[in-house]
Amino acid sequence: MVSGDCTSFSAAITPIKLTLTHSRSSNKQMKHHLPVSICSEISSSSEQIAGSEDLLTEIFLRLPTKSLVRFQCVSKRWLSLISSAHFRRIHTRRNATSSASTVGVFLCRHPNYDFVALDQERLSSMDRIYDRFSDWRGSRVVCNVNSCNGLLCLGFKLGDGKTEFCIYNLTTGDRRLVPLPETMVVKSMNLAFDPKVADDYDVVCVWLSVSENQLRFSVYSSCSGSWRHSNEHCNEVDLCCYGGVFWKGAIHWFSQTGPFLCLQVDSCSFKPMPSTQIPEGQWYRNIEYFGESGGHLHLIEIHNPQDIEFNVLELKSDYSSWFVKYKVNLEFLTNLYPVMVNQELYPPEDYDFPYAFTTLCFLADEEDRAKLLISLPGKIVLYDLHNGTVRELADVKPDSFRNFIGGARYDCFDAYTHVETLAFV
């Protein structure tokens, strides 16, 4: 279970809190002292706006999604306007979301499902999302999760051993079942949705051809409601066990042991993509994070389990190579949170991780302001790489987890970013 909180720490910067107070009595006094003519003009203007659907539409198109969700409750007329297909498509296109617009994170580790808001203003909306999602999910087991620009692709295990997949909009609660051919043994389902380009989305399915022992790729279109199958295949059957990442019209997968892979969605064909080097003397990579943020693809790899320093790598837009975007040192966190340091007196021989932390998300905007969402034993914190501040976002209770060294914490493959959108599913 995750509970919200908000605390700031900084070795160099003292946070300043500003409180703005709006008094209803003061507003009434101001209105009382306004000339009658001005009050009449205000009232007349309000009536004109309320009576003009075009004006209302233009105003609503400039409002954030969370406000529109609330405004649907004002009147039947507003509900009809905001929920119309025409309005939702225009609003989604004009307010195309990106990772820079991330407002929260969906945490999924069966049997635990939770939402963490990145700021206090979103706590109530995250609670509503959690309640609605919990009611809909019921007792079903989630076995596949992939997120992309406000939409989730979820897989549910059914009683007959089969899996049902659907697309879910966390903001609106809309959902749609994805029809799955009987022949597919699904390894992963991956969303491809870019609201800046189109209203529709694609679902890329990685499935195992048992007879050939190869991975195959198929793409489902929400526009046509049909599947198209790629001629490409992959012999690295462990490659796509983790969810793919959508970026620049393609789905990208990493591998801990083999080459990385990129599938161009529109053409259903492979595209060359560089891999990172496997450290000398090792047979695998230790990739801790892989995701899109701020319009770029990022990767965090920790070569040595004793390291508390690591690099954030970014893929060049021309796919030529990976380069170091940020250098991160989290040693200062051990002073704030001594629980990060392994306290086990007799750890297993194969456990060689003196620090207990995982990077859930790397969040950057178009202006290169970057933050790390970090899971510590019992805590989830947000670290700002630019000003050095740390905010506690949530407590993670250990009774929600199995007992294991490192304490109650999530890893990056349990976390899925959430942005608000009115997009149809």
Protein backbone atom coordinates (compact mmCIF):
# COMPACT_ATOMS: atom_id res chain seq x y z
CA MET A 1 0.00 0.00 0.00
CA VAL A 2 1.27 3.47 -0.80
CA SER A 3 0.36 6.56 1.16
CA GLY A 4 0.98 10.12 0.03
CA ASP A 5 3.31 12.57 1.72
CA CYS A 6 5.48 15.48 0.69
CA THR A 7 8.81 16.40 2.31
CA SER A 8 11.73 18.34 0.82
CA PHE A 9 15.44 18.02 1.51
CA SER A 10 18.37 19.90 0.06
CA ALA A 11 21.91 20.32 1.23
CA ALA A 12 22.37 23.60 -0.61
CA ILE A 13 18.89 25.01 -0.97
CA THR A 14 16.34 25.81 1.70
CA PRO A 15 12.83 25.30 0.32
CA ILE A 16 10.51 28.30 0.56
CA LYS A 17 6.83 27.69 0.91
CA LEU A 18 4.36 30.29 -0.34
CA THR A 19 0.73 30.13 0.70
CA LEU A 20 -1.93 31.99 -1.26
CA THR A 21 -5.19 32.55 0.57
CA HIS A 22 -8.40 33.40 -1.26
CA SER A 23 -11.12 34.88 0.95
CA ARG A 24 -14.74 34.48 -0.13
CA SER A 25 -15.80 37.37 2.11
CA SER A 26 -13.26 39.66 0.44
CA ASN A 27 -14.56 38.67 -3.00
CA LYS A 28 -18.10 39.46 -1.92
CA GLN A 29 -17.03 42.87 -0.59
CA MET A 30 -15.26 43.69 -3.86
CA LYS A 31 -18.34 42.76 -5.86
CA HIS A 32 -20.52 44.76 -3.50
CA HIS A 33 -18.44 47.91 -4.07
CA LEU A 34 -18.32 47.58 -7.87
CA PRO A 35 -20.53 50.02 -9.77
CA VAL A 36 -23.87 48.55 -10.88
CA SER A 37 -23.00 49.16 -14.55
CA ILE A 38 -19.82 47.07 -14.32
CA CYS A 39 -21.68 44.25 -12.55
CA SER A 40 -24.28 44.28 -15.32
CA GLU A 41 -21.58 44.14 -18.02
CA ILE A 42 -19.90 41.17 -16.27
CA SER A 43 -23.22 39.38 -15.99
CA SER A 44 -24.05 40.08 -19.64
CA SER A 45 -20.64 38.84 -20.83
CA SER A 46 -20.97 35.66 -18.77
CA GLU A 47 -24.37 34.96 -20.29
CA GLN A 48 -23.02 35.51 -23.81
CA ILE A 49 -20.16 33.06 -23.23
CA ALA A 50 -22.43 30.49 -21.59
CA GLY A 51 -24.87 30.80 -24.47
CA SER A 52 -22.29 30.39 -27.23
CA GLU A 53 -21.13 26.86 -27.85
CA ASP A 54 -18.28 28.11 -30.05
CA LEU A 55 -16.93 30.35 -27.29
CA LEU A 56 -17.27 27.61 -24.69
CA THR A 57 -15.48 25.18 -26.97
CA GLU A 58 -12.56 27.58 -27.49
CA ILE A 59 -12.28 28.12 -23.74
CA PHE A 60 -12.48 24.42 -22.93
CA LEU A 61 -9.84 23.57 -25.53
CA ARG A 62 -7.39 25.71 -23.55
CA LEU A 63 -8.07 23.98 -20.24
CA PRO A 64 -6.13 21.03 -18.83
CA THR A 65 -7.69 17.58 -18.91
CA LYS A 66 -8.22 17.32 -15.16
CA SER A 67 -10.36 20.50 -15.18
CA LEU A 68 -12.51 19.24 -18.03
CA VAL A 69 -13.15 15.94 -16.25
CA ARG A 70 -14.56 17.93 -13.31
CA PHE A 71 -16.49 20.37 -15.50
CA GLN A 72 -18.48 17.53 -17.03
CA CYS A 73 -20.46 17.51 -13.78
CA VAL A 74 -21.54 21.17 -14.08
CA SER A 75 -24.44 20.61 -16.46
CA LYS A 76 -25.79 18.24 -19.08
CA ARG A 77 -24.81 20.72 -21.76
CA TRP A 78 -21.19 20.87 -20.61
CA LEU A 79 -21.10 17.10 -20.29
CA SER A 80 -22.41 16.71 -23.84
CA LEU A 81 -19.86 19.18 -25.24
CA ILE A 82 -16.79 17.87 -23.39
CA SER A 83 -17.60 14.20 -23.94
CA SER A 84 -18.36 14.56 -27.65
CA ALA A 85 -16.06 12.72 -30.02
CA HIS A 86 -15.34 15.90 -31.99
CA PHE A 87 -14.23 17.88 -28.94
CA ARG A 88 -12.15 15.08 -27.42
CA ARG A 89 -10.25 14.52 -30.64
CA ILE A 90 -9.43 18.22 -31.06
CA HIS A 91 -8.45 18.61 -27.39
CA THR A 92 -6.22 15.53 -27.52
CA ARG A 93 -4.47 16.81 -30.65
CA ARG A 94 -4.03 20.38 -29.38
CA ASN A 95 -2.89 19.24 -25.94
CA ALA A 96 -0.77 16.35 -27.11
CA THR A 97 0.73 14.79 -24.03
CA SER A 98 4.34 13.81 -23.50
CA SER A 99 6.46 12.38 -20.73
CA ALA A 100 7.14 15.96 -19.63
CA SER A 101 3.44 16.12 -18.69
CA THR A 102 3.69 13.13 -16.34
CA VAL A 103 1.46 13.70 -13.31
CA GLY A 104 1.79 10.32 -11.62
CA VAL A 105 3.06 6.77 -11.80
CA PHE A 106 1.07 3.53 -11.89
CA LEU A 107 2.81 0.89 -9.77
CA CYS A 108 2.05 -2.72 -10.55
CA ARG A 109 3.45 -5.68 -8.68
CA HIS A 110 0.87 -8.39 -8.15
CA PRO A 111 -1.06 -8.48 -5.90
CA ASN A 112 -0.35 -4.79 -5.28
CA TYR A 113 -1.53 -1.97 -7.56
CA ASP A 114 -1.13 1.68 -6.63
CA PHE A 115 -0.77 5.20 -7.99
CA VAL A 116 1.75 7.80 -6.86
CA ALA A 117 1.14 11.48 -7.58
CA LEU A 118 4.18 13.62 -8.39
CA ASP A 119 2.73 16.61 -6.54
CA GLN A 120 0.15 17.17 -3.82
CA GLU A 121 -2.36 18.77 -6.21
CA ARG A 122 -2.78 15.37 -7.90
CA LEU A 123 -3.36 13.28 -4.78
CA SER A 124 -7.15 13.39 -5.00
CA SER A 125 -7.20 12.62 -8.73
CA MET A 126 -4.82 9.68 -8.19
CA ASP A 127 -7.17 8.39 -5.46
CA ARG A 128 -10.12 8.54 -7.87
CA ILE A 129 -8.12 6.70 -10.53
CA TYR A 130 -7.17 4.02 -8.03
CA ASP A 131 -10.75 3.50 -6.86
CA ARG A 132 -12.13 3.32 -10.41
CA PHE A 133 -9.39 0.96 -11.57
CA SER A 134 -9.80 -1.29 -8.52
CA ASP A 135 -13.56 -1.57 -9.05
CA TRP A 136 -13.09 -2.48 -12.70
CA ARG A 137 -10.23 -4.93 -12.15
CA GLY A 138 -11.96 -6.76 -9.32
CA SER A 139 -10.04 -9.92 -8.40
CA ARG A 140 -8.46 -10.43 -11.81
CA VAL A 141 -4.70 -10.86 -12.02
CA VAL A 142 -2.81 -8.35 -14.19
CA CYS A 143 -0.08 -10.12 -16.16
CA ASN A 144 0.90 -7.49 -18.77
CA VAL A 145 1.22 -3.72 -18.48
CA ASN A 146 2.46 -1.19 -21.00
CA SER A 147 1.82 2.56 -21.02
CA CYS A 148 2.07 5.20 -23.71
CA ASN A 149 0.96 8.86 -23.58
CA GLY A 150 -1.92 8.36 -21.16
CA LEU A 151 -3.15 4.95 -22.31
CA LEU A 152 -2.49 1.57 -20.71
CA CYS A 153 -2.41 -1.84 -22.33
CA LEU A 154 -3.41 -4.39 -19.69
CA GLY A 155 -3.46 -8.16 -19.78
CA PHE A 156 -5.71 -10.13 -17.41
CA LYS A 157 -5.41 -13.82 -16.67
CA LEU A 158 -8.70 -15.65 -17.13
CA GLY A 159 -9.92 -18.74 -15.35
CA ASP A 160 -9.34 -20.98 -18.38
CA GLY A 161 -5.65 -20.10 -18.51
CA LYS A 162 -6.06 -17.64 -21.36
CA THR A 163 -5.22 -13.93 -21.25
CA GLU A 164 -7.53 -11.06 -22.13
CA PHE A 165 -5.99 -7.78 -23.31
CA CYS A 166 -7.59 -4.35 -23.28
CA ILE A 167 -6.67 -0.70 -23.70
CA TYR A 168 -7.56 1.52 -20.75
CA ASN A 169 -7.63 5.31 -20.36
CA LEU A 170 -6.83 6.02 -16.71
CA THR A 171 -8.20 9.56 -16.91
CA THR A 172 -11.63 8.84 -18.39
CA GLY A 173 -12.06 5.18 -17.44
CA ASP A 174 -12.78 4.25 -21.08
CA ARG A 175 -11.64 0.78 -22.13
CA ARG A 176 -11.57 -1.41 -25.22
CA LEU A 177 -10.95 -5.13 -25.67
CA VAL A 178 -8.18 -6.14 -28.10
CA PRO A 179 -9.22 -9.25 -30.10
CA LEU A 180 -6.41 -11.77 -30.07
CA PRO A 181 -5.90 -14.52 -32.68
CA GLU A 182 -5.96 -18.00 -31.15
CA THR A 183 -2.57 -18.89 -32.65
CA MET A 184 -0.63 -16.24 -30.73
CA VAL A 185 1.39 -17.21 -27.66
CA VAL A 186 1.88 -13.67 -26.38
CA LYS A 187 5.20 -12.62 -24.87
CA SER A 188 4.37 -8.90 -24.58
CA MET A 189 1.93 -6.28 -25.83
CA ASN A 190 3.19 -2.79 -26.54
CA LEU A 191 1.30 0.45 -27.19
CA ALA A 192 2.21 2.87 -29.96
CA PHE A 193 0.26 6.11 -29.55
CA ASP A 194 1.34 9.59 -30.64
CA PRO A 195 -1.52 12.11 -30.26
CA LYS A 196 0.52 14.71 -32.16
CA VAL A 197 0.33 12.54 -35.26
CA ALA A 198 -2.98 10.67 -35.14
CA ASP A 199 -6.08 10.05 -33.04
CA ASP A 200 -5.66 6.30 -33.34
CA TYR A 201 -3.14 3.94 -31.80
CA ASP A 202 -1.48 0.63 -32.60
CA VAL A 203 -0.73 -2.36 -30.40
CA VAL A 204 2.45 -4.28 -31.21
CA CYS A 205 2.26 -7.91 -30.14
CA VAL A 206 5.42 -9.97 -29.64
CA TRP A 207 4.45 -13.63 -29.78
CA LEU A 208 6.23 -16.95 -29.81
CA SER A 209 6.00 -19.27 -32.77
CA VAL A 210 6.29 -22.56 -30.91
CA SER A 211 6.94 -24.65 -34.01
CA GLU A 212 9.83 -22.42 -35.10
CA ASN A 213 10.94 -21.33 -31.61
CA GLN A 214 11.08 -17.76 -32.89
CA LEU A 215 9.62 -14.45 -31.84
CA ARG A 216 7.11 -13.02 -34.30
CA PHE A 217 5.61 -9.54 -34.51
CA SER A 218 2.07 -8.41 -35.34
CA VAL A 219 0.38 -5.00 -35.17
CA TYR A 220 -3.26 -4.29 -34.24
CA SER A 221 -4.80 -1.05 -35.50
CA SER A 222 -7.48 0.69 -33.42
CA CYS A 223 -8.63 2.44 -36.59
CA SER A 224 -9.28 -0.67 -38.72
CA GLY A 225 -9.79 -3.11 -35.85
CA SER A 226 -7.62 -5.64 -37.63
CA TRP A 227 -4.17 -7.23 -37.36
CA ARG A 228 -1.32 -7.10 -39.83
CA HIS A 229 1.63 -9.48 -39.50
CA SER A 230 5.28 -8.66 -39.96
CA ASN A 231 7.67 -10.83 -41.95
CA GLU A 232 10.36 -10.09 -39.38
CA HIS A 233 11.35 -12.58 -36.71
CA CYS A 234 13.87 -12.84 -33.90
CA ASN A 235 15.69 -15.87 -32.50
CA GLU A 236 16.47 -14.20 -29.17
CA VAL A 237 13.41 -15.52 -27.36
CA ASP A 238 14.31 -13.71 -24.12
CA LEU A 239 14.68 -10.35 -25.87
CA CYS A 240 11.20 -8.94 -25.44
CA CYS A 241 10.29 -10.27 -22.03
CA TYR A 242 10.20 -6.66 -20.85
CA GLY A 243 7.77 -4.14 -22.29
CA GLY A 244 8.88 -2.14 -25.29
CA VAL A 245 9.17 1.65 -25.40
CA PHE A 246 7.50 3.77 -28.10
CA TRP A 247 9.64 6.55 -29.57
CA LYS A 248 9.75 8.20 -33.00
CA GLY A 249 7.18 5.88 -34.54
CA ALA A 250 8.87 2.66 -33.42
CA ILE A 251 8.87 0.21 -30.52
CA HIS A 252 12.27 -0.36 -28.88
CA TRP A 253 13.38 -3.30 -26.77
CA PHE A 254 16.57 -3.87 -24.82
CA SER A 255 18.23 -7.16 -23.93
CA GLN A 256 20.41 -7.97 -20.95
CA THR A 257 22.44 -10.44 -23.03
CA GLY A 258 21.95 -9.77 -26.76
CA PRO A 259 21.45 -6.93 -29.25
CA PHE A 260 18.72 -4.32 -28.86
CA LEU A 261 15.79 -4.32 -31.27
CA CYS A 262 13.64 -1.67 -32.96
CA LEU A 263 10.45 -2.25 -34.98
CA GLN A 264 9.05 0.54 -37.15
CA VAL A 265 5.30 0.35 -36.52
CA ASP A 266 3.94 1.65 -39.84
CA SER A 267 6.06 -0.64 -42.00
CA CYS A 268 6.24 -3.58 -39.55
CA SER A 269 9.96 -3.80 -40.30
CA PHE A 270 13.14 -3.76 -38.23
CA LYS A 271 15.24 -0.63 -37.98
CA PRO A 272 18.94 -0.60 -37.00
CA MET A 273 19.49 0.32 -33.35
CA PRO A 274 22.76 0.42 -31.39
CA SER A 275 23.20 -1.65 -28.24
CA THR A 276 25.33 -0.80 -25.22
CA GLN A 277 28.51 -2.74 -24.63
CA ILE A 278 28.42 -5.70 -22.25
CA PRO A 279 31.11 -5.00 -19.61
CA GLU A 280 34.31 -6.98 -20.01
CA GLY A 281 34.31 -10.10 -17.89
CA GLN A 282 30.49 -10.22 -17.72
CA TRP A 283 28.01 -12.13 -19.84
CA TYR A 284 25.10 -9.73 -19.30
CA ARG A 285 24.16 -6.08 -18.87
CA ASN A 286 22.57 -4.77 -15.68
CA ILE A 287 20.01 -2.35 -17.15
CA GLU A 288 18.02 -0.64 -14.40
CA TYR A 289 15.87 1.67 -16.52
CA PHE A 290 14.80 1.98 -20.17
CA GLY A 291 12.26 4.56 -21.28
CA GLU A 292 11.29 7.68 -23.20
CA SER A 293 11.36 11.12 -21.61
CA GLY A 294 11.36 14.65 -22.96
CA GLY A 295 11.27 13.38 -26.53
CA HIS A 296 14.36 11.19 -26.12
CA LEU A 297 15.14 7.55 -25.33
CA HIS A 298 17.10 6.98 -22.12
CA LEU A 299 18.80 4.08 -20.41
CA ILE A 300 20.39 3.55 -17.00
CA GLU A 301 22.89 0.74 -16.61
CA ILE A 302 24.77 -0.08 -13.40
CA HIS A 303 27.85 -2.13 -14.22
CA ASN A 304 28.99 -2.85 -10.68
CA PRO A 305 26.54 -3.85 -7.92
CA GLN A 306 28.63 -1.84 -5.43
CA ASP A 307 28.11 1.35 -7.43
CA ILE A 308 25.98 4.17 -6.16
CA GLU A 309 27.18 6.31 -9.07
CA PHE A 310 25.81 5.75 -12.55
CA ASN A 311 25.23 7.42 -15.90
CA VAL A 312 21.99 8.25 -17.66
CA LEU A 313 22.51 7.46 -21.34
CA GLU A 314 20.59 9.01 -24.22
CA LEU A 315 20.21 7.65 -27.75
CA LYS A 316 21.10 10.10 -30.50
CA SER A 317 18.13 11.05 -32.66
CA ASP A 318 19.86 9.57 -35.72
CA TYR A 319 20.28 6.23 -33.91
CA SER A 320 24.05 6.38 -34.34
CA SER A 321 25.08 5.81 -30.72
CA TRP A 322 24.34 6.19 -27.02
CA PHE A 323 26.02 9.01 -25.09
CA VAL A 324 26.20 10.09 -21.44
CA LYS A 325 23.52 12.69 -20.73
CA TYR A 326 23.83 12.88 -16.93
CA LYS A 327 26.23 11.60 -14.29
CA VAL A 328 24.45 10.76 -11.03
CA ASN A 329 25.84 10.15 -7.55
CA LEU A 330 23.33 9.14 -4.88
CA GLU A 331 25.78 8.78 -2.00
CA PHE A 332 24.27 11.81 -0.25
CA LEU A 333 20.96 9.93 -0.01
CA THR A 334 22.52 7.40 2.38
CA ASN A 335 22.84 10.19 4.95
CA LEU A 336 19.17 11.09 4.61
CA TYR A 337 18.07 7.45 4.41
CA PRO A 338 20.51 5.11 6.21
CA VAL A 339 18.10 2.25 5.39
CA MET A 340 19.58 2.39 1.87
CA VAL A 341 22.72 0.73 3.20
CA ASN A 342 22.38 -3.04 3.45
CA GLN A 343 22.01 -3.93 7.14
CA GLU A 344 22.08 -7.70 6.72
CA LEU A 345 24.67 -9.33 8.99
CA TYR A 346 24.72 -12.58 7.02
CA PRO A 347 23.57 -11.90 3.48
CA PRO A 348 23.48 -14.77 0.97
CA GLU A 349 26.77 -15.41 -0.80
CA ASP A 350 25.28 -14.44 -4.16
CA TYR A 351 23.96 -11.12 -2.82
CA ASP A 352 26.51 -8.41 -3.40
CA PHE A 353 24.43 -5.23 -3.40
CA PRO A 354 25.48 -2.95 -0.53
CA TYR A 355 22.94 -0.28 -1.49
CA ALA A 356 19.20 -0.81 -1.73
CA PHE A 357 17.65 1.53 -4.31
CA THR A 358 16.07 1.35 -7.74
CA THR A 359 15.29 4.00 -10.34
CA LEU A 360 11.59 3.81 -11.20
CA CYS A 361 11.47 6.60 -13.78
CA PHE A 362 13.69 9.18 -15.39
CA LEU A 363 11.63 12.30 -16.08
CA ALA A 364 12.93 15.08 -18.33
CA ASP A 365 11.20 17.91 -20.14
CA GLU A 366 11.99 19.67 -23.40
CA GLU A 367 14.20 22.15 -21.52
CA ASP A 368 16.39 19.35 -20.12
CA ARG A 369 15.16 19.71 -16.54
CA ALA A 370 15.49 16.19 -15.22
CA LYS A 371 14.29 14.25 -12.19
CA LEU A 372 14.66 10.70 -10.92
CA LEU A 373 11.85 8.81 -9.22
CA ILE A 374 13.63 6.47 -6.81
CA SER A 375 12.33 3.57 -4.75
CA LEU A 376 14.08 3.05 -1.42
CA PRO A 377 13.20 0.52 1.29
CA GLY A 378 9.87 1.85 2.57
CA LYS A 379 9.97 5.13 0.60
CA ILE A 380 9.46 6.58 -2.87
CA VAL A 381 11.28 9.87 -3.42
CA LEU A 382 11.70 12.36 -6.28
CA TYR A 383 15.22 13.70 -6.82
CA ASP A 384 15.72 16.86 -8.88
CA LEU A 385 19.07 16.59 -10.70
CA HIS A 386 19.34 20.34 -11.21
CA ASN A 387 18.65 21.89 -7.81
CA GLY A 388 19.53 18.87 -5.68
CA THR A 389 16.22 18.71 -3.81
CA VAL A 390 14.59 15.47 -2.70
CA ARG A 391 10.84 15.10 -2.04
CA GLU A 392 9.22 12.17 -0.33
CA LEU A 393 6.17 11.14 -2.31
CA ALA A 394 4.99 7.95 -0.63
CA ASP A 395 5.55 5.36 2.07
CA VAL A 396 5.70 1.74 0.99
CA LYS A 397 4.62 -0.64 3.72
CA PRO A 398 6.69 -3.82 3.91
CA ASP A 399 3.68 -6.01 4.66
CA SER A 400 2.67 -5.52 1.02
CA PHE A 401 5.81 -7.31 -0.17
CA ARG A 402 7.45 -10.65 0.23
CA ASN A 403 10.46 -10.55 2.54
CA PHE A 404 13.63 -10.07 0.60
CA ILE A 405 16.91 -8.25 1.10
CA GLY A 406 16.64 -4.63 0.04
CA GLY A 407 13.35 -4.01 1.79
CA ALA A 408 9.94 -3.02 0.47
CA ARG A 409 10.60 -1.35 -2.86
CA TYR A 410 9.59 -1.45 -6.51
CA ASP A 411 11.81 -1.62 -9.58
CA CYS A 412 11.54 0.18 -12.91
CA PHE A 413 9.62 -2.69 -14.51
CA ASP A 414 6.85 -2.15 -11.95
CA ALA A 415 6.39 1.56 -12.79
CA TYR A 416 4.40 3.13 -15.65
CA THR A 417 4.12 6.88 -16.15
CA HIS A 418 0.69 8.49 -16.36
CA VAL A 419 -0.28 11.61 -18.29
CA GLU A 420 -3.81 12.97 -18.50
CA THR A 421 -5.65 12.70 -21.81
CA LEU A 422 -9.17 12.62 -23.23
CA ALA A 423 -8.02 10.28 -26.01
CA PHE A 424 -10.49 7.66 -27.19
CA VAL A 425 -9.67 4.00 -26.90
